[in-house]
Protein backbone atom coordinates (compact mmCIF):
# COMPACT_ATOMS: atom_id res chain seq x y z
CA MET A 1 42.67 25.16 -5.13
CA LYS A 2 42.01 21.51 -5.91
CA LYS A 3 42.23 20.61 -2.22
CA PHE A 4 39.82 23.44 -1.38
CA PHE A 5 37.40 22.10 -4.03
CA TRP A 6 37.34 18.62 -2.50
CA ILE A 7 36.98 20.01 1.02
CA SER A 8 33.96 21.98 -0.19
CA ILE A 9 32.43 18.87 -1.75
CA VAL A 10 32.91 16.89 1.46
CA LEU A 11 31.42 19.69 3.56
CA ILE A 12 28.36 19.91 1.32
CA SER A 13 27.94 16.14 1.41
CA LEU A 14 28.14 16.08 5.19
CA LEU A 15 25.70 18.97 5.43
CA MET A 16 23.24 17.08 3.24
CA CYS A 17 23.68 13.98 5.38
CA LYS A 18 23.04 16.06 8.48
CA GLN A 19 19.92 17.57 6.95
CA VAL A 20 18.60 14.16 5.94
CA TYR A 21 19.40 12.82 9.37
CA SER A 22 17.60 15.74 11.03
CA ILE A 23 14.54 15.24 8.86
CA LYS A 24 14.64 11.53 9.52
CA ASP A 25 15.00 12.11 13.25
CA LYS A 26 12.08 14.53 13.26
CA ASP A 27 9.72 12.55 11.04
CA ASN A 28 10.62 9.15 12.41
CA LYS A 29 9.69 9.52 16.02
CA PRO A 30 8.30 6.09 16.98
CA ILE A 31 4.52 6.12 16.99
CA ALA A 32 3.74 2.43 17.59
CA VAL A 33 5.30 -0.83 18.75
CA VAL A 34 5.03 -4.40 17.49
CA VAL A 35 3.53 -6.60 20.20
CA LYS A 36 3.00 -9.92 18.42
CA VAL A 37 4.38 -11.55 15.28
CA LYS A 38 3.52 -14.88 13.72
CA GLY A 39 5.24 -16.15 10.58
CA GLU A 40 6.97 -14.00 7.97
CA VAL A 41 6.22 -10.29 8.34
CA ILE A 42 8.25 -7.57 6.59
CA ILE A 43 8.48 -3.88 7.46
CA LEU A 44 9.29 -1.62 4.49
CA ARG A 45 10.91 1.64 5.55
CA ALA A 46 12.13 3.97 2.80
CA GLU A 47 14.48 1.74 0.74
CA ASN A 48 15.01 -0.79 3.51
CA LYS A 49 13.37 -4.06 4.51
CA PHE A 50 13.23 -5.41 8.05
CA LYS A 51 11.90 -8.62 9.48
CA ALA A 52 9.29 -7.72 12.08
CA GLU A 53 10.19 -8.47 15.68
CA ILE A 54 8.54 -8.04 19.06
CA TYR A 55 9.10 -4.51 20.47
CA MET A 56 10.25 -3.17 17.09
CA PRO A 57 9.25 0.50 16.62
CA LEU A 58 6.97 1.63 13.83
CA TYR A 59 7.09 5.05 12.19
CA VAL A 60 4.99 7.23 9.90
CA LYS A 61 5.35 6.01 6.28
CA ASP A 62 6.18 2.44 7.34
CA LYS A 63 4.55 -0.30 5.30
CA VAL A 64 3.77 -3.75 6.69
CA LYS A 65 3.54 -6.86 4.49
CA THR A 66 2.44 -10.20 5.88
CA GLY A 67 2.90 -13.52 4.12
CA SER A 68 0.75 -16.65 4.09
CA TYR A 69 -0.20 -17.87 7.57
CA SER A 70 1.44 -14.74 9.00
CA THR A 71 -0.01 -12.06 11.26
CA MET A 72 1.19 -9.07 13.25
CA GLU A 73 -0.30 -7.01 16.06
CA LEU A 74 0.72 -3.45 16.88
CA ILE A 75 -0.32 -0.81 19.34
CA PHE A 76 0.06 2.92 18.83
CA ASP A 77 1.27 5.01 21.75
CA SER A 78 -2.31 6.26 21.99
CA GLY A 79 -3.70 2.76 22.59
CA VAL A 80 -5.26 2.31 19.13
CA SER A 81 -4.40 -1.22 17.99
CA PHE A 82 -4.29 -3.22 14.73
CA LYS A 83 -4.29 -6.94 14.05
CA ILE A 84 -2.87 -7.34 10.55
CA GLU A 85 -3.88 -10.63 8.99
CA GLU A 86 -2.16 -12.84 6.42
CA ASN A 87 -1.29 -11.68 2.89
CA CYS A 88 -1.91 -8.07 3.83
CA GLU A 89 -0.26 -4.79 2.83
CA ILE A 90 -0.89 -1.73 4.98
CA LYS A 91 0.86 1.63 5.20
CA ILE A 92 0.85 4.19 8.03
CA ILE A 93 0.32 7.37 6.01
CA ASP A 94 0.26 9.97 8.76
CA ILE A 95 -0.40 10.61 12.43
CA VAL A 96 -0.98 14.04 13.94
CA THR A 97 -1.15 14.75 17.67
CA LYS A 98 -2.38 18.04 19.10
CA ILE A 99 -3.07 19.20 22.64
CA SER A 100 -6.81 19.43 23.28
CA ASP A 101 -8.48 22.71 24.15
CA ASP A 102 -8.60 21.85 27.84
CA LYS A 103 -4.94 20.72 27.67
CA ARG A 104 -5.72 17.53 29.53
CA VAL A 105 -5.27 15.03 26.72
CA SER A 106 -3.86 14.91 23.17
CA LYS A 107 -6.18 14.83 20.17
CA LEU A 108 -5.18 12.26 17.59
CA ASP A 109 -5.65 11.93 13.82
CA ILE A 110 -4.44 8.76 12.09
CA GLU A 111 -4.44 7.87 8.39
CA VAL A 112 -3.59 4.43 7.02
CA GLU A 113 -3.93 2.75 3.64
CA ILE A 114 -4.74 -0.92 3.02
CA ASP A 115 -3.79 -2.21 -0.43
CA LYS A 116 -4.86 -5.80 0.18
CA GLY A 117 -5.76 -8.19 2.95
CA GLY A 118 -7.62 -7.79 6.23
CA VAL A 119 -7.04 -5.64 9.32
CA LEU A 120 -8.92 -5.82 12.60
CA VAL A 121 -8.93 -2.46 14.41
CA ASP A 122 -9.63 -1.56 18.03
CA ALA A 123 -9.76 2.23 17.75
CA LYS A 124 -10.22 2.95 21.44
CA THR A 125 -7.49 4.99 23.12
CA ILE A 126 -5.96 5.42 26.57
CA PRO A 127 -8.56 7.98 27.71
CA SER A 128 -6.39 9.62 30.35
CA GLN A 129 -3.84 10.58 27.68
CA TYR A 130 -5.45 10.59 24.22
CA LYS A 131 -8.70 11.29 22.43
CA LEU A 132 -9.16 9.97 18.91
CA ASN A 133 -10.32 12.81 16.68
CA SER A 134 -10.34 10.67 13.53
CA LEU A 135 -8.99 7.47 12.06
CA LYS A 136 -9.22 7.28 8.27
CA ILE A 137 -8.61 4.04 6.42
CA PHE A 138 -8.17 4.27 2.66
CA THR A 139 -8.54 1.30 0.30
CA PRO A 140 -8.61 1.14 -3.53
CA THR A 141 -12.44 1.37 -3.51
CA ALA A 142 -13.49 2.88 -0.19
CA THR A 143 -12.72 5.21 2.71
CA ALA A 144 -13.69 4.54 6.32
CA ALA A 145 -13.81 7.24 9.00
CA VAL A 146 -13.72 5.99 12.56
CA ARG A 147 -13.93 7.14 16.18
CA GLY A 148 -13.47 4.66 19.01
CA THR A 149 -14.81 1.68 17.09
CA VAL A 150 -13.94 -2.00 16.83
CA PHE A 151 -14.22 -3.01 13.18
CA TYR A 152 -12.73 -5.04 10.35
CA THR A 153 -11.59 -3.94 6.89
CA GLU A 154 -10.58 -6.34 4.14
CA VAL A 155 -9.48 -5.66 0.57
CA LYS A 156 -10.20 -8.68 -1.60
CA ASP A 157 -8.09 -9.80 -4.56
CA ASP A 158 -10.57 -8.19 -6.98
CA GLY A 159 -10.24 -4.83 -5.16
CA ARG A 160 -13.56 -5.06 -3.35
CA THR A 161 -13.58 -3.65 0.19
CA ASP A 162 -15.52 -5.41 2.96
CA LEU A 163 -16.29 -3.52 6.18
CA ALA A 164 -17.76 -5.03 9.35
CA VAL A 165 -18.49 -3.26 12.64
CA PHE A 166 -18.39 -5.07 16.00
CA GLU A 167 -18.62 -2.10 18.38
CA GLY A 168 -19.79 1.46 17.71
CA GLU A 169 -20.23 2.69 14.13
CA ILE A 170 -18.17 3.94 11.19
CA GLU A 171 -18.74 6.22 8.22
CA SER A 172 -17.94 4.69 4.84
CA TYR A 173 -17.47 6.46 1.51
CA VAL A 174 -17.30 5.04 -1.98
CA GLY A 175 -13.84 5.64 -3.43
CA LYS A 176 -10.71 7.02 -1.85
CA THR A 177 -11.22 10.52 -0.54
CA GLU A 178 -9.27 12.69 1.89
CA ASN A 179 -11.73 15.58 1.91
CA MET A 180 -14.97 14.33 3.45
CA VAL A 181 -16.59 17.68 4.20
CA ASN A 182 -18.47 17.90 0.91
CA PHE A 183 -18.52 14.19 0.13
CA THR A 184 -22.13 13.11 -0.40
CA ASN A 185 -22.16 9.30 -0.66
CA ARG A 186 -21.69 8.72 3.06
CA THR A 187 -23.03 5.53 4.61
CA ILE A 188 -23.23 4.77 8.33
CA ILE A 189 -22.41 1.19 9.31
CA LYS A 190 -23.59 0.44 12.82
CA ASN A 191 -22.83 -2.21 15.40
CA ASP A 192 -23.18 -5.79 14.04
CA GLN A 193 -23.54 -4.59 10.44
CA GLN A 194 -21.36 -4.96 7.38
CA THR A 195 -21.10 -3.83 3.77
CA SER A 196 -19.15 -4.44 0.60
CA ILE A 197 -17.88 -1.74 -1.80
CA ASN A 198 -16.35 -2.10 -5.26
CA ASP A 199 -15.52 0.38 -8.02
CA GLN A 200 -19.08 0.06 -9.40
CA THR A 201 -20.85 0.73 -6.11
CA THR A 202 -23.00 3.84 -5.78
CA VAL A 203 -24.90 3.10 -2.55
CA PRO A 204 -23.29 0.37 -0.41
CA PRO A 205 -25.76 -2.28 0.80
CA ILE A 206 -25.90 -2.51 4.60
CA VAL A 207 -26.67 -5.96 6.02
CA ASP A 208 -26.44 -7.71 9.37
CA LEU A 209 -23.28 -9.65 10.13
CA THR A 210 -23.12 -12.96 8.31
CA SER A 211 -22.77 -16.18 10.30
CA GLU A 212 -19.09 -16.22 9.34
CA MET A 213 -18.49 -12.72 10.70
CA LYS A 214 -20.51 -13.50 13.85
CA GLU A 215 -18.19 -16.43 14.48
CA TYR A 216 -15.21 -14.17 13.81
CA LYS A 217 -16.57 -11.66 16.36
CA ASN A 218 -17.11 -14.33 19.02
CA THR A 219 -13.60 -15.77 18.61
CA VAL A 220 -10.94 -13.57 17.00
CA VAL A 221 -12.42 -10.19 17.92
CA LYS A 222 -13.21 -11.17 21.50
CA SER A 223 -9.67 -12.47 22.02
CA PHE A 224 -8.09 -9.41 20.37
CA ILE A 225 -10.04 -6.93 22.51
CA ALA A 226 -8.85 -8.72 25.66
CA GLU A 227 -5.24 -8.65 24.43
CA VAL A 228 -5.43 -4.95 23.61
CA GLU A 229 -6.73 -4.10 27.07
CA PHE A 230 -3.70 -5.91 28.47
CA TYR A 231 -1.36 -4.00 26.12
CA ARG A 232 -2.89 -0.64 27.07
CA LYS A 233 -2.27 -1.30 30.76
CA ARG A 234 1.37 -2.05 29.94
CA ILE A 235 1.91 0.74 27.41
CA GLU A 236 4.72 2.41 29.34
CA THR A 237 6.54 -0.91 29.69
CA LEU A 238 6.06 -1.57 25.98
CA LYS A 239 7.49 1.85 25.11
CA GLN A 240 10.46 1.16 27.35
CA LYS A 241 11.02 -2.19 25.62
CA ARG A 242 10.80 -0.37 22.30
CA ASN A 243 13.48 2.11 23.38
CA GLU A 244 15.70 -0.77 24.41
CA TRP A 245 15.17 -2.35 20.99
CA ILE A 246 16.07 0.93 19.27
CA ASN A 247 19.26 1.34 21.30
CA LYS A 248 20.25 -2.22 20.57
CA ASN A 249 19.59 -1.94 16.83
CA LYS A 250 21.05 1.38 15.73
CA SER A 251 20.56 1.88 12.01
CA ASP A 252 23.47 1.65 9.61
CA PHE A 253 22.55 5.12 8.35
CA GLU A 254 23.16 6.70 11.74
CA LYS A 255 26.43 4.86 12.14
CA ASN A 256 27.60 5.79 8.63
CA VAL A 257 26.84 9.49 9.09
CA GLU A 258 28.68 9.65 12.41
CA GLU A 259 31.61 7.74 10.95
CA LYS A 260 31.84 10.17 8.01
CA LYS A 261 31.85 13.11 10.39
CA LYS A 262 34.68 11.60 12.42
CA ASN A 263 36.73 10.77 9.32
CA PHE A 264 36.27 14.27 7.93
CA LYS A 265 37.41 15.88 11.18
CA LYS A 266 40.49 13.65 11.32
CA LYS A 267 41.47 14.37 7.73
CA PHE A 268 40.61 18.04 7.21
CA LEU A 269 40.11 19.71 10.59
CA LYS A 270 43.38 19.02 12.34
């Protein structure tokens, strides 16, 4: 009876491990790849911390933290790309891909959250494969809704959110909101415009790019756009490099689960 009790406990434990592993395997399909790292950049995944490396995969729910003088660039499988600047914290909340009505490309919805720091975004996709339906960026004081735009979002130390548009236009909303259908305080920020939103803002002021942001556009943004075009052309190679990285760096969790299965079979299923 006692032996049967312990066998039952082990079976239940293994079943739970298998369920967790299945959920993990389903939810953690790679959705992006790290293409450039400078300095100290940490990836937070569940309870684990990883030092960012070139070709490392990124998953839904991953959080990226950059230190001083540290940056990271990533490209989603769709071609949408982020340049994460120093002292930044950003989380990939969700990504949903659906086949379009004509079944030629996949429609894409992305949600991310920036707690602090700046992120430069090139929200254009690989048009032969993906169409961006929406990209929502949440900050402590604002929400930005984007389609195919090149823009910059920065959360200052006091919680203020600065938004600047370099190509296209974005919709901005005061506060963090997921349901924008009935949200009334919408502001359109067009090409070469910027705004600033804090927790006291009612109507965000729209102004032309400052001299500082114009310089940023002519240097950092211009260089980033060129890099992203290069990455998009090599996306299949980058995904292959990512798969090689995954195979080379199997997680301890996967190894532990498989080892427990083997040990159980040896001990109880002779």
